[in-house]
Amino acid sequence: MTFKVSRLDLWVHPDFDALTRAFADLSILPARGNDAATRAALRESHAYLVSAARDELPPAWFVSRELLRDCPDLLCVASSGAGYDTVDVPACTEAGVAVVNQAGMNADSVAEHTFALLLAVQRRIVLSHDKLRTRSGFSRESLMGHEIKGTRIGLVGIGQIGRRVVGIAKGFGMDVCAYDPLLDERAIRERGAEPVSLETLLATSDVVSLHCPLNAQTRGMIGAREYAAMKPTAVFITTARGGIHDEDALEDALASGHLAGAGLDVWRQEPPPNDAPLLQRENVVASFHTGGVTYEARRNVARGAAEQFRTMLGGERPVRLVNPEVWPRFLERLAKY
């Protein structure tokens, strides 16, 4: 039997299409403009590559209970990134649908972006660029920043991305601590960081950087109380997910002078409105959730998704299975095809 794989006509590295067509029929469906055709094709699909970008994907194409009811032949879903905000994982498990993500496939890009933001904030790169373009008569000393060597960076989460951040941080001569409730102290030490509580991390770090997923436990975990617990000279960095940190409370902390700056790649609304208060601050450097958006990372994600589809449809367990408890049921369903 030839399996049917579908994706929407959003940007995907061409390696996904090339690799997928070697083992399946691939359909590229309109994300907008012809919902009836897209729905009809998805009903016949066995595998679906779904965008991980919740604000770019029309809600109708989220992997919801409704979509799963409409697509009884759907066997597996792959998120196009490490996150899977657009997938209702419990509903997939109930339906016997295996879910995979691409965790680690863009880790190098996100880790590099963490330091792009940090250095831009601490060395005031964006402010210097803007002044050189629009003003004259200012001194170099008016753009004076800070070194990161000898400072302490605290990582909230030390998974695939966090581990790479550790290596880069040590290359800069930084001290590294980490808080990760999913790992014991030994595992955190093996990854190169000093294990600490969240309270200690916030109180002792010169840089606080988020590298955790967005879920029920982390949603809103960095708010007014956490910003207040940070050093007045600290910098806040996030390349994780919008919704983990409270943007309004961060604006208040920066406005009061309690924090020295912030580097933000993720937002509760992506992109944020042009008049968002955080975007008006000289000590904030912002990007449009592009931490993992490099050609190399998108290529790795595309290859990872295609390979996991090939593996699953061949009856083998994939390496990045989000809902492992579904696997026996998945195999039962697969055997019918």
C-alpha atoms as a PDB file:
ATOM      1  CA  MET A   1       0.000   0.000   0.000  1.00  0.00           C
ATOM      2  CA  THR A   2       1.110   3.565  -0.674  1.00  0.00           C
ATOM      3  CA  PHE A   3       0.530   5.871   2.267  1.00  0.00           C
ATOM      4  CA  LYS A   4      -0.708   9.437   1.847  1.00  0.00           C
ATOM      5  CA  VAL A   5       1.155  12.293   3.533  1.00  0.00           C
ATOM      6  CA  SER A   6      -0.170  15.855   3.579  1.00  0.00           C
ATOM      7  CA  ARG A   7       1.173  19.260   4.448  1.00  0.00           C
ATOM      8  CA  LEU A   8      -0.065  22.800   3.932  1.00  0.00           C
ATOM      9  CA  ASP A   9       1.442  25.231   1.433  1.00  0.00           C
ATOM     10  CA  LEU A  10       3.347  27.093   4.135  1.00  0.00           C
ATOM     11  CA  TRP A  11       7.121  27.383   3.736  1.00  0.00           C
ATOM     12  CA  VAL A  12       8.888  24.052   4.225  1.00  0.00           C
ATOM     13  CA  HIS A  13      12.448  23.207   3.270  1.00  0.00           C
ATOM     14  CA  PRO A  14      12.343  21.283  -0.035  1.00  0.00           C
ATOM     15  CA  ASP A  15      14.107  18.286   1.503  1.00  0.00           C
ATOM     16  CA  PHE A  16      10.833  17.310   3.182  1.00  0.00           C
ATOM     17  CA  ASP A  17       9.032  16.929  -0.142  1.00  0.00           C
ATOM     18  CA  ALA A  18      11.924  15.130  -1.810  1.00  0.00           C
ATOM     19  CA  LEU A  19      12.410  12.635   1.010  1.00  0.00           C
ATOM     20  CA  THR A  20       8.687  12.029   1.564  1.00  0.00           C
ATOM     21  CA  ARG A  21       7.951  11.313  -2.100  1.00  0.00           C
ATOM     22  CA  ALA A  22      10.421   8.420  -1.911  1.00  0.00           C
ATOM     23  CA  PHE A  23       8.023   6.414   0.283  1.00  0.00           C
ATOM     24  CA  ALA A  24       4.568   8.052   0.087  1.00  0.00           C
ATOM     25  CA  ASP A  25       2.147  10.111  -1.986  1.00  0.00           C
ATOM     26  CA  LEU A  26       2.538  13.730  -0.904  1.00  0.00           C
ATOM     27  CA  SER A  27      -0.239  16.316  -1.096  1.00  0.00           C
ATOM     28  CA  ILE A  28       0.439  20.024  -0.629  1.00  0.00           C
ATOM     29  CA  LEU A  29      -2.800  21.672   0.445  1.00  0.00           C
ATOM     30  CA  PRO A  30      -3.887  25.322   0.545  1.00  0.00           C
ATOM     31  CA  ALA A  31      -3.746  26.771   4.048  1.00  0.00           C
ATOM     32  CA  ARG A  32      -6.199  29.479   3.006  1.00  0.00           C
ATOM     33  CA  GLY A  33      -8.728  30.014   0.253  1.00  0.00           C
ATOM     34  CA  ASN A  34     -10.069  26.498  -0.332  1.00  0.00           C
ATOM     35  CA  ASP A  35     -10.926  24.923   3.002  1.00  0.00           C
ATOM     36  CA  ALA A  36     -13.203  22.322   1.450  1.00  0.00           C
ATOM     37  CA  ALA A  37     -10.418  20.908  -0.710  1.00  0.00           C
ATOM     38  CA  THR A  38      -7.947  20.893   2.163  1.00  0.00           C
ATOM     39  CA  ARG A  39     -10.407  19.178   4.494  1.00  0.00           C
ATOM     40  CA  ALA A  40     -11.237  16.555   1.874  1.00  0.00           C
ATOM     41  CA  ALA A  41      -7.573  15.738   1.283  1.00  0.00           C
ATOM     42  CA  LEU A  42      -6.805  15.546   4.987  1.00  0.00           C
ATOM     43  CA  ARG A  43      -9.661  13.055   5.423  1.00  0.00           C
ATOM     44  CA  GLU A  44      -7.751  10.670   3.167  1.00  0.00           C
ATOM     45  CA  SER A  45      -4.339  11.292   4.745  1.00  0.00           C
ATOM     46  CA  HIS A  46      -2.386   8.861   6.895  1.00  0.00           C
ATOM     47  CA  ALA A  47       0.223  11.405   8.006  1.00  0.00           C
ATOM     48  CA  TYR A  48       0.095  15.167   8.438  1.00  0.00           C
ATOM     49  CA  LEU A  49       2.975  17.628   8.832  1.00  0.00           C
ATOM     50  CA  VAL A  50       1.522  20.474  10.882  1.00  0.00           C
ATOM     51  CA  SER A  51       3.116  23.875  11.423  1.00  0.00           C
ATOM     52  CA  ALA A  52       4.306  24.521  14.955  1.00  0.00           C
ATOM     53  CA  ALA A  53       3.688  28.275  14.553  1.00  0.00           C
ATOM     54  CA  ARG A  54       0.295  28.818  16.154  1.00  0.00           C
ATOM     55  CA  ASP A  55      -0.134  32.387  14.856  1.00  0.00           C
ATOM     56  CA  GLU A  56       0.713  31.419  11.272  1.00  0.00           C
ATOM     57  CA  LEU A  57      -1.547  28.375  11.064  1.00  0.00           C
ATOM     58  CA  PRO A  58      -5.289  28.903  10.533  1.00  0.00           C
ATOM     59  CA  PRO A  59      -7.082  27.358  13.540  1.00  0.00           C
ATOM     60  CA  ALA A  60      -9.028  25.012  11.265  1.00  0.00           C
ATOM     61  CA  TRP A  61      -5.804  23.110  10.580  1.00  0.00           C
ATOM     62  CA  PHE A  62      -4.686  22.683  14.173  1.00  0.00           C
ATOM     63  CA  VAL A  63      -4.740  19.002  15.115  1.00  0.00           C
ATOM     64  CA  SER A  64      -7.832  19.325  17.281  1.00  0.00           C
ATOM     65  CA  ARG A  65     -10.483  16.830  18.356  1.00  0.00           C
ATOM     66  CA  GLU A  66     -12.665  18.106  15.536  1.00  0.00           C
ATOM     67  CA  LEU A  67     -10.000  17.548  12.898  1.00  0.00           C
ATOM     68  CA  LEU A  68      -9.240  14.090  14.284  1.00  0.00           C
ATOM     69  CA  ARG A  69     -12.940  13.169  14.053  1.00  0.00           C
ATOM     70  CA  ASP A  70     -12.945  14.283  10.426  1.00  0.00           C
ATOM     71  CA  CYS A  71      -9.773  12.334   9.588  1.00  0.00           C
ATOM     72  CA  PRO A  72     -10.347   8.719  10.695  1.00  0.00           C
ATOM     73  CA  ASP A  73      -7.424   7.408   8.614  1.00  0.00           C
ATOM     74  CA  LEU A  74      -4.895   9.723  10.203  1.00  0.00           C
ATOM     75  CA  LEU A  75      -2.201   7.607  11.849  1.00  0.00           C
ATOM     76  CA  CYS A  76       0.528  10.078  12.724  1.00  0.00           C
ATOM     77  CA  VAL A  77       1.271  13.774  12.998  1.00  0.00           C
ATOM     78  CA  ALA A  78       4.618  15.557  12.906  1.00  0.00           C
ATOM     79  CA  SER A  79       5.115  19.051  14.241  1.00  0.00           C
ATOM     80  CA  SER A  80       7.380  21.229  12.115  1.00  0.00           C
ATOM     81  CA  GLY A  81       9.403  22.264  15.152  1.00  0.00           C
ATOM     82  CA  ALA A  82      10.335  21.375  18.688  1.00  0.00           C
ATOM     83  CA  GLY A  83       7.065  22.828  19.944  1.00  0.00           C
ATOM     84  CA  TYR A  84       3.657  21.323  19.306  1.00  0.00           C
ATOM     85  CA  ASP A  85       1.275  24.046  20.446  1.00  0.00           C
ATOM     86  CA  THR A  86      -0.901  23.353  17.399  1.00  0.00           C
ATOM     87  CA  VAL A  87      -1.486  19.714  18.361  1.00  0.00           C
ATOM     88  CA  ASP A  88      -3.937  18.441  20.980  1.00  0.00           C
ATOM     89  CA  VAL A  89      -1.734  15.598  22.182  1.00  0.00           C
ATOM     90  CA  PRO A  90      -4.265  14.001  24.602  1.00  0.00           C
ATOM     91  CA  ALA A  91      -6.858  13.937  21.826  1.00  0.00           C
ATOM     92  CA  CYS A  92      -4.334  12.305  19.495  1.00  0.00           C
ATOM     93  CA  THR A  93      -3.533   9.676  22.101  1.00  0.00           C
ATOM     94  CA  GLU A  94      -7.213   8.894  22.550  1.00  0.00           C
ATOM     95  CA  ALA A  95      -7.572   8.549  18.776  1.00  0.00           C
ATOM     96  CA  GLY A  96      -4.509   6.314  18.457  1.00  0.00           C
ATOM     97  CA  VAL A  97      -2.544   8.955  16.530  1.00  0.00           C
ATOM     98  CA  ALA A  98       1.204   9.108  17.123  1.00  0.00           C
ATOM     99  CA  VAL A  99       2.689  12.578  17.534  1.00  0.00           C
ATOM    100  CA  VAL A 100       6.324  13.449  16.908  1.00  0.00           C
ATOM    101  CA  ASN A 101       8.182  16.726  17.162  1.00  0.00           C
ATOM    102  CA  GLN A 102      11.590  17.827  15.935  1.00  0.00           C
ATOM    103  CA  ALA A 103      13.221  18.533  19.288  1.00  0.00           C
ATOM    104  CA  GLY A 104      16.910  19.188  18.936  1.00  0.00           C
ATOM    105  CA  MET A 105      16.829  19.622  15.171  1.00  0.00           C
ATOM    106  CA  ASN A 106      17.041  23.418  15.471  1.00  0.00           C
ATOM    107  CA  ALA A 107      18.909  23.479  18.786  1.00  0.00           C
ATOM    108  CA  ASP A 108      22.135  24.957  17.427  1.00  0.00           C
ATOM    109  CA  SER A 109      20.273  27.817  15.756  1.00  0.00           C
ATOM    110  CA  VAL A 110      18.248  28.661  18.862  1.00  0.00           C
ATOM    111  CA  ALA A 111      21.294  28.492  21.118  1.00  0.00           C
ATOM    112  CA  GLU A 112      23.197  30.835  18.812  1.00  0.00           C
ATOM    113  CA  HIS A 113      20.218  33.200  18.735  1.00  0.00           C
ATOM    114  CA  THR A 114      20.221  33.315  22.537  1.00  0.00           C
ATOM    115  CA  PHE A 115      23.665  34.883  22.435  1.00  0.00           C
ATOM    116  CA  ALA A 116      22.808  37.111  19.501  1.00  0.00           C
ATOM    117  CA  LEU A 117      20.108  38.663  21.681  1.00  0.00           C
ATOM    118  CA  LEU A 118      22.265  38.752  24.807  1.00  0.00           C
ATOM    119  CA  LEU A 119      25.215  40.420  23.093  1.00  0.00           C
ATOM    120  CA  ALA A 120      22.951  42.859  21.281  1.00  0.00           C
ATOM    121  CA  VAL A 121      21.440  43.926  24.611  1.00  0.00           C
ATOM    122  CA  GLN A 122      24.659  44.091  26.611  1.00  0.00           C
ATOM    123  CA  ARG A 123      26.720  45.770  23.882  1.00  0.00           C
ATOM    124  CA  ARG A 124      23.808  48.013  22.752  1.00  0.00           C
ATOM    125  CA  ILE A 125      24.234  46.989  19.134  1.00  0.00           C
ATOM    126  CA  VAL A 126      20.775  47.967  17.885  1.00  0.00           C
ATOM    127  CA  LEU A 127      20.873  51.351  19.594  1.00  0.00           C
ATOM    128  CA  SER A 128      24.310  52.045  18.094  1.00  0.00           C
ATOM    129  CA  HIS A 129      23.102  51.034  14.634  1.00  0.00           C
ATOM    130  CA  ASP A 130      20.027  53.249  14.852  1.00  0.00           C
ATOM    131  CA  LYS A 131      22.001  56.262  16.073  1.00  0.00           C
ATOM    132  CA  LEU A 132      24.573  55.892  13.305  1.00  0.00           C
ATOM    133  CA  ARG A 133      21.756  55.885  10.758  1.00  0.00           C
ATOM    134  CA  THR A 134      19.761  58.801  12.139  1.00  0.00           C
ATOM    135  CA  ARG A 135      21.848  61.021  14.415  1.00  0.00           C
ATOM    136  CA  SER A 136      25.223  62.727  14.817  1.00  0.00           C
ATOM    137  CA  GLY A 137      27.223  64.385  17.541  1.00  0.00           C
ATOM    138  CA  PHE A 138      27.025  61.565  20.077  1.00  0.00           C
ATOM    139  CA  SER A 139      29.976  59.960  21.828  1.00  0.00           C
ATOM    140  CA  ARG A 140      31.076  56.347  21.877  1.00  0.00           C
ATOM    141  CA  GLU A 141      30.786  56.458  25.659  1.00  0.00           C
ATOM    142  CA  SER A 142      27.065  57.143  25.342  1.00  0.00           C
ATOM    143  CA  LEU A 143      26.801  53.645  23.846  1.00  0.00           C
ATOM    144  CA  MET A 144      28.929  51.945  26.471  1.00  0.00           C
ATOM    145  CA  GLY A 145      27.817  48.415  27.302  1.00  0.00           C
ATOM    146  CA  HIS A 146      28.966  45.449  29.344  1.00  0.00           C
ATOM    147  CA  GLU A 147      31.068  42.337  28.830  1.00  0.00           C
ATOM    148  CA  ILE A 148      29.471  38.968  29.469  1.00  0.00           C
ATOM    149  CA  LYS A 149      32.722  37.282  30.469  1.00  0.00           C
ATOM    150  CA  GLY A 150      32.728  36.454  34.171  1.00  0.00           C
ATOM    151  CA  THR A 151      28.965  36.808  34.545  1.00  0.00           C
ATOM    152  CA  ARG A 152      26.512  34.123  35.596  1.00  0.00           C
ATOM    153  CA  ILE A 153      23.826  32.837  33.249  1.00  0.00           C
ATOM    154  CA  GLY A 154      20.876  30.908  34.674  1.00  0.00           C
ATOM    155  CA  LEU A 155      19.049  28.532  32.348  1.00  0.00           C
ATOM    156  CA  VAL A 156      15.434  27.654  33.015  1.00  0.00           C
ATOM    157  CA  GLY A 157      15.434  24.315  31.220  1.00  0.00           C
ATOM    158  CA  ILE A 158      18.529  22.443  30.089  1.00  0.00           C
ATOM    159  CA  GLY A 159      17.349  20.138  27.329  1.00  0.00           C
ATOM    160  CA  GLN A 160      18.683  19.969  23.775  1.00  0.00           C
ATOM    161  CA  ILE A 161      18.946  23.732  23.402  1.00  0.00           C
ATOM    162  CA  GLY A 162      20.033  24.407  26.962  1.00  0.00           C
ATOM    163  CA  ARG A 163      22.934  21.998  26.653  1.00  0.00           C
ATOM    164  CA  ARG A 164      24.219  23.878  23.620  1.00  0.00           C
ATOM    165  CA  VAL A 165      23.805  27.180  25.437  1.00  0.00           C
ATOM    166  CA  VAL A 166      26.040  25.809  28.202  1.00  0.00           C
ATOM    167  CA  GLY A 167      28.853  25.158  25.733  1.00  0.00           C
ATOM    168  CA  ILE A 168      28.624  28.611  24.180  1.00  0.00           C
ATOM    169  CA  ALA A 169      28.391  30.299  27.584  1.00  0.00           C
ATOM    170  CA  LYS A 170      31.532  28.584  28.811  1.00  0.00           C
ATOM    171  CA  GLY A 171      33.300  29.628  25.638  1.00  0.00           C
ATOM    172  CA  PHE A 172      32.533  33.214  26.626  1.00  0.00           C
ATOM    173  CA  GLY A 173      33.869  32.585  30.127  1.00  0.00           C
ATOM    174  CA  MET A 174      30.480  32.615  31.829  1.00  0.00           C
ATOM    175  CA  ASP A 175      29.423  30.664  34.914  1.00  0.00           C
ATOM    176  CA  VAL A 176      26.327  28.526  34.297  1.00  0.00           C
ATOM    177  CA  CYS A 177      23.569  27.366  36.610  1.00  0.00           C
ATOM    178  CA  ALA A 178      20.311  25.691  35.661  1.00  0.00           C
ATOM    179  CA  TYR A 179      16.884  24.805  36.971  1.00  0.00           C
ATOM    180  CA  ASP A 180      15.037  21.910  35.360  1.00  0.00           C
ATOM    181  CA  PRO A 181      12.354  20.021  37.319  1.00  0.00           C
ATOM    182  CA  LEU A 182      12.509  17.153  34.805  1.00  0.00           C
ATOM    183  CA  LEU A 183      16.143  16.351  35.618  1.00  0.00           C
ATOM    184  CA  ASP A 184      17.951  15.386  38.803  1.00  0.00           C
ATOM    185  CA  GLU A 185      21.010  17.228  40.056  1.00  0.00           C
ATOM    186  CA  ARG A 186      23.420  14.660  38.622  1.00  0.00           C
ATOM    187  CA  ALA A 187      21.966  15.008  35.120  1.00  0.00           C
ATOM    188  CA  ILE A 188      22.197  18.805  35.272  1.00  0.00           C
ATOM    189  CA  ARG A 189      25.835  18.613  36.384  1.00  0.00           C
ATOM    190  CA  GLU A 190      26.584  16.166  33.571  1.00  0.00           C
ATOM    191  CA  ARG A 191      25.224  18.782  31.166  1.00  0.00           C
ATOM    192  CA  GLY A 192      27.720  21.304  32.476  1.00  0.00           C
ATOM    193  CA  ALA A 193      25.662  23.465  34.826  1.00  0.00           C
ATOM    194  CA  GLU A 194      25.298  23.915  38.554  1.00  0.00           C
ATOM    195  CA  PRO A 195      21.851  22.646  39.645  1.00  0.00           C
ATOM    196  CA  VAL A 196      19.886  25.240  41.615  1.00  0.00           C
ATOM    197  CA  SER A 197      16.322  26.012  42.588  1.00  0.00           C
ATOM    198  CA  LEU A 198      14.388  28.535  40.519  1.00  0.00           C
ATOM    199  CA  GLU A 199      14.545  30.950  43.441  1.00  0.00           C
ATOM    200  CA  THR A 200      18.339  30.711  43.640  1.00  0.00           C
ATOM    201  CA  LEU A 201      18.692  31.028  39.877  1.00  0.00           C
ATOM    202  CA  LEU A 202      16.652  34.221  39.798  1.00  0.00           C
ATOM    203  CA  ALA A 203      18.459  35.757  42.766  1.00  0.00           C
ATOM    204  CA  THR A 204      22.026  34.994  41.662  1.00  0.00           C
ATOM    205  CA  SER A 205      22.065  35.154  37.850  1.00  0.00           C
ATOM    206  CA  ASP A 206      23.218  38.121  35.814  1.00  0.00           C
ATOM    207  CA  VAL A 207      21.352  36.670  32.831  1.00  0.00           C
ATOM    208  CA  VAL A 208      18.153  34.617  33.066  1.00  0.00           C
ATOM    209  CA  SER A 209      17.449  32.658  29.867  1.00  0.00           C
ATOM    210  CA  LEU A 210      14.381  30.516  29.205  1.00  0.00           C
ATOM    211  CA  HIS A 211      14.722  27.168  27.395  1.00  0.00           C
ATOM    212  CA  CYS A 212      11.646  25.272  28.559  1.00  0.00           C
ATOM    213  CA  PRO A 213       8.488  24.179  26.707  1.00  0.00           C
ATOM    214  CA  LEU A 214       5.140  25.901  27.069  1.00  0.00           C
ATOM    215  CA  ASN A 215       2.772  23.649  28.986  1.00  0.00           C
ATOM    216  CA  ALA A 216       0.391  23.747  31.924  1.00  0.00           C
ATOM    217  CA  GLN A 217       3.288  23.866  34.375  1.00  0.00           C
ATOM    218  CA  THR A 218       5.274  26.626  32.671  1.00  0.00           C
ATOM    219  CA  ARG A 219       2.523  28.923  31.406  1.00  0.00           C
ATOM    220  CA  GLY A 220       2.942  32.240  33.229  1.00  0.00           C
ATOM    221  CA  MET A 221       5.798  30.921  35.378  1.00  0.00           C
ATOM    222  CA  ILE A 222       7.853  34.134  34.971  1.00  0.00           C
ATOM    223  CA  GLY A 223       5.811  37.042  36.228  1.00  0.00           C
ATOM    224  CA  ALA A 224       6.039  40.088  38.487  1.00  0.00           C
ATOM    225  CA  ARG A 225       7.266  38.115  41.489  1.00  0.00           C
ATOM    226  CA  GLU A 226       9.998  36.420  39.477  1.00  0.00           C
ATOM    227  CA  TYR A 227      11.204  39.649  37.856  1.00  0.00           C
ATOM    228  CA  ALA A 228      11.306  41.271  41.296  1.00  0.00           C
ATOM    229  CA  ALA A 229      13.460  38.394  42.557  1.00  0.00           C
ATOM    230  CA  MET A 230      16.091  39.007  39.856  1.00  0.00           C
ATOM    231  CA  LYS A 231      19.111  41.245  40.286  1.00  0.00           C
ATOM    232  CA  PRO A 232      18.465  44.907  39.410  1.00  0.00           C
ATOM    233  CA  THR A 233      21.299  44.653  36.881  1.00  0.00           C
ATOM    234  CA  ALA A 234      20.051  41.402  35.315  1.00  0.00           C
ATOM    235  CA  VAL A 235      19.114  40.792  31.692  1.00  0.00           C
ATOM    236  CA  PHE A 236      16.147  38.588  30.766  1.00  0.00           C
ATOM    237  CA  ILE A 237      16.356  36.490  27.588  1.00  0.00           C
ATOM    238  CA  THR A 238      13.790  34.139  26.096  1.00  0.00           C
ATOM    239  CA  THR A 239      13.885  31.991  22.980  1.00  0.00           C
ATOM    240  CA  ALA A 240      11.350  29.533  24.420  1.00  0.00           C
ATOM    241  CA  ARG A 241       7.641  30.219  23.871  1.00  0.00           C
ATOM    242  CA  GLY A 242       5.348  33.181  24.320  1.00  0.00           C
ATOM    243  CA  GLY A 243       3.102  32.734  27.338  1.00  0.00           C
ATOM    244  CA  ILE A 244       5.813  31.462  29.675  1.00  0.00           C
ATOM    245  CA  HIS A 245       6.754  35.004  30.641  1.00  0.00           C
ATOM    246  CA  ASP A 246       4.359  37.834  31.488  1.00  0.00           C
ATOM    247  CA  GLU A 247       5.032  40.647  28.998  1.00  0.00           C
ATOM    248  CA  ASP A 248       3.156  43.292  30.963  1.00  0.00           C
ATOM    249  CA  ALA A 249       5.067  42.495  34.148  1.00  0.00           C
ATOM    250  CA  LEU A 250       8.326  42.580  32.195  1.00  0.00           C
ATOM    251  CA  GLU A 251       7.457  46.038  30.859  1.00  0.00           C
ATOM    252  CA  ASP A 252       6.797  47.179  34.443  1.00  0.00           C
ATOM    253  CA  ALA A 253      10.122  45.756  35.642  1.00  0.00           C
ATOM    254  CA  LEU A 254      12.027  47.519  32.864  1.00  0.00           C
ATOM    255  CA  ALA A 255      10.108  50.779  33.297  1.00  0.00           C
ATOM    256  CA  SER A 256      10.942  50.845  37.000  1.00  0.00           C
ATOM    257  CA  GLY A 257      14.630  50.326  36.238  1.00  0.00           C
ATOM    258  CA  HIS A 258      14.724  47.038  38.108  1.00  0.00           C
ATOM    259  CA  LEU A 259      16.066  45.075  35.127  1.00  0.00           C
ATOM    260  CA  ALA A 260      18.884  46.175  32.845  1.00  0.00           C
ATOM    261  CA  GLY A 261      17.376  44.866  29.632  1.00  0.00           C
ATOM    262  CA  ALA A 262      15.711  42.037  27.748  1.00  0.00           C
ATOM    263  CA  GLY A 263      16.166  40.047  24.560  1.00  0.00           C
ATOM    264  CA  LEU A 264      12.883  38.623  23.296  1.00  0.00           C
ATOM    265  CA  ASP A 265      12.313  36.193  20.450  1.00  0.00           C
ATOM    266  CA  VAL A 266       8.855  34.937  21.455  1.00  0.00           C
ATOM    267  CA  TRP A 267       5.570  36.703  22.163  1.00  0.00           C
ATOM    268  CA  ARG A 268       2.039  35.971  23.293  1.00  0.00           C
ATOM    269  CA  GLN A 269       0.958  37.352  19.903  1.00  0.00           C
ATOM    270  CA  GLU A 270       3.353  36.757  17.027  1.00  0.00           C
ATOM    271  CA  PRO A 271       4.297  39.139  15.635  1.00  0.00           C
ATOM    272  CA  PRO A 272       3.561  41.634  18.401  1.00  0.00           C
ATOM    273  CA  PRO A 273       1.859  44.895  17.395  1.00  0.00           C
ATOM    274  CA  ASN A 274       4.208  47.655  16.261  1.00  0.00           C
ATOM    275  CA  ASP A 275       3.201  49.801  19.219  1.00  0.00           C
ATOM    276  CA  ALA A 276       3.876  47.115  21.849  1.00  0.00           C
ATOM    277  CA  PRO A 277       5.487  48.896  24.831  1.00  0.00           C
ATOM    278  CA  LEU A 278       8.436  46.512  24.952  1.00  0.00           C
ATOM    279  CA  LEU A 279       9.337  47.376  21.366  1.00  0.00           C
ATOM    280  CA  GLN A 280       9.701  51.043  22.285  1.00  0.00           C
ATOM    281  CA  ARG A 281      12.498  50.429  24.797  1.00  0.00           C
ATOM    282  CA  GLU A 282      16.143  51.073  23.944  1.00  0.00           C
ATOM    283  CA  ASN A 283      17.224  48.293  26.307  1.00  0.00           C
ATOM    284  CA  VAL A 284      15.060  45.661  24.595  1.00  0.00           C
ATOM    285  CA  VAL A 285      16.185  43.761  21.508  1.00  0.00           C
ATOM    286  CA  ALA A 286      13.384  41.889  19.765  1.00  0.00           C
ATOM    287  CA  SER A 287      13.043  39.300  17.020  1.00  0.00           C
ATOM    288  CA  PHE A 288      10.096  37.553  15.373  1.00  0.00           C
ATOM    289  CA  HIS A 289      10.421  34.006  16.758  1.00  0.00           C
ATOM    290  CA  THR A 290      13.342  33.464  14.401  1.00  0.00           C
ATOM    291  CA  GLY A 291      15.630  31.647  16.815  1.00  0.00           C
ATOM    292  CA  GLY A 292      15.128  28.379  14.971  1.00  0.00           C
ATOM    293  CA  VAL A 293      14.538  29.925  11.559  1.00  0.00           C
ATOM    294  CA  THR A 294      17.782  29.365   9.696  1.00  0.00           C
ATOM    295  CA  TYR A 295      18.237  27.430   6.475  1.00  0.00           C
ATOM    296  CA  GLU A 296      20.253  24.826   8.333  1.00  0.00           C
ATOM    297  CA  ALA A 297      17.681  24.368  11.078  1.00  0.00           C
ATOM    298  CA  ARG A 298      14.740  24.256   8.659  1.00  0.00           C
ATOM    299  CA  ARG A 299      16.582  21.658   6.611  1.00  0.00           C
ATOM    300  CA  ASN A 300      17.202  19.549   9.716  1.00  0.00           C
ATOM    301  CA  VAL A 301      13.559  19.856  10.785  1.00  0.00           C
ATOM    302  CA  ALA A 302      12.314  18.876   7.317  1.00  0.00           C
ATOM    303  CA  ARG A 303      14.563  15.851   7.169  1.00  0.00           C
ATOM    304  CA  GLY A 304      13.658  14.855  10.716  1.00  0.00           C
ATOM    305  CA  ALA A 305       9.932  15.005  10.013  1.00  0.00           C
ATOM    306  CA  ALA A 306      10.175  13.025   6.772  1.00  0.00           C
ATOM    307  CA  GLU A 307      12.396  10.396   8.350  1.00  0.00           C
ATOM    308  CA  GLN A 308      10.062   9.957  11.311  1.00  0.00           C
ATOM    309  CA  PHE A 309       7.078   9.525   8.979  1.00  0.00           C
ATOM    310  CA  ARG A 310       8.991   6.887   7.031  1.00  0.00           C
ATOM    311  CA  THR A 311       9.927   5.152  10.281  1.00  0.00           C
ATOM    312  CA  MET A 312       6.407   5.168  11.744  1.00  0.00           C
ATOM    313  CA  LEU A 313       4.629   4.101   8.582  1.00  0.00           C
ATOM    314  CA  GLY A 314       7.157   1.265   8.370  1.00  0.00           C
ATOM    315  CA  GLY A 315       6.098   0.075  11.812  1.00  0.00           C
ATOM    316  CA  GLU A 316       9.186   1.247  13.676  1.00  0.00           C
ATOM    317  CA  ARG A 317       9.147   3.494  16.739  1.00  0.00           C
ATOM    318  CA  PRO A 318      10.397   7.037  15.997  1.00  0.00           C
ATOM    319  CA  VAL A 319      13.062   8.769  18.040  1.00  0.00           C
ATOM    320  CA  ARG A 320      11.019  11.818  19.078  1.00  0.00           C
ATOM    321  CA  LEU A 321       7.643  10.355  20.022  1.00  0.00           C
ATOM    322  CA  VAL A 322       5.709  12.891  22.112  1.00  0.00           C
ATOM    323  CA  ASN A 323       3.015  10.446  23.303  1.00  0.00           C
ATOM    324  CA  PRO A 324       4.809   7.102  23.796  1.00  0.00           C
ATOM    325  CA  GLU A 325       1.768   5.554  25.468  1.00  0.00           C
ATOM    326  CA  VAL A 326      -0.007   5.577  22.102  1.00  0.00           C
ATOM    327  CA  TRP A 327       2.449   3.224  20.423  1.00  0.00           C
ATOM    328  CA  PRO A 328       0.648  -0.150  20.934  1.00  0.00           C
ATOM    329  CA  ARG A 329      -2.619   1.357  19.705  1.00  0.00           C
ATOM    330  CA  PHE A 330      -0.847   2.994  16.760  1.00  0.00           C
ATOM    331  CA  LEU A 331       0.592  -0.345  15.684  1.00  0.00           C
ATOM    332  CA  GLU A 332      -2.858  -1.949  15.858  1.00  0.00           C
ATOM    333  CA  ARG A 333      -4.278   0.754  13.614  1.00  0.00           C
ATOM    334  CA  LEU A 334      -1.303   0.616  11.238  1.00  0.00           C
ATOM    335  CA  ALA A 335      -1.735  -3.146  10.778  1.00  0.00           C
ATOM    336  CA  LYS A 336      -5.117  -2.566   9.156  1.00  0.00           C
ATOM    337  CA  TYR A 337      -3.531  -0.799   6.180  1.00  0.00           C
END
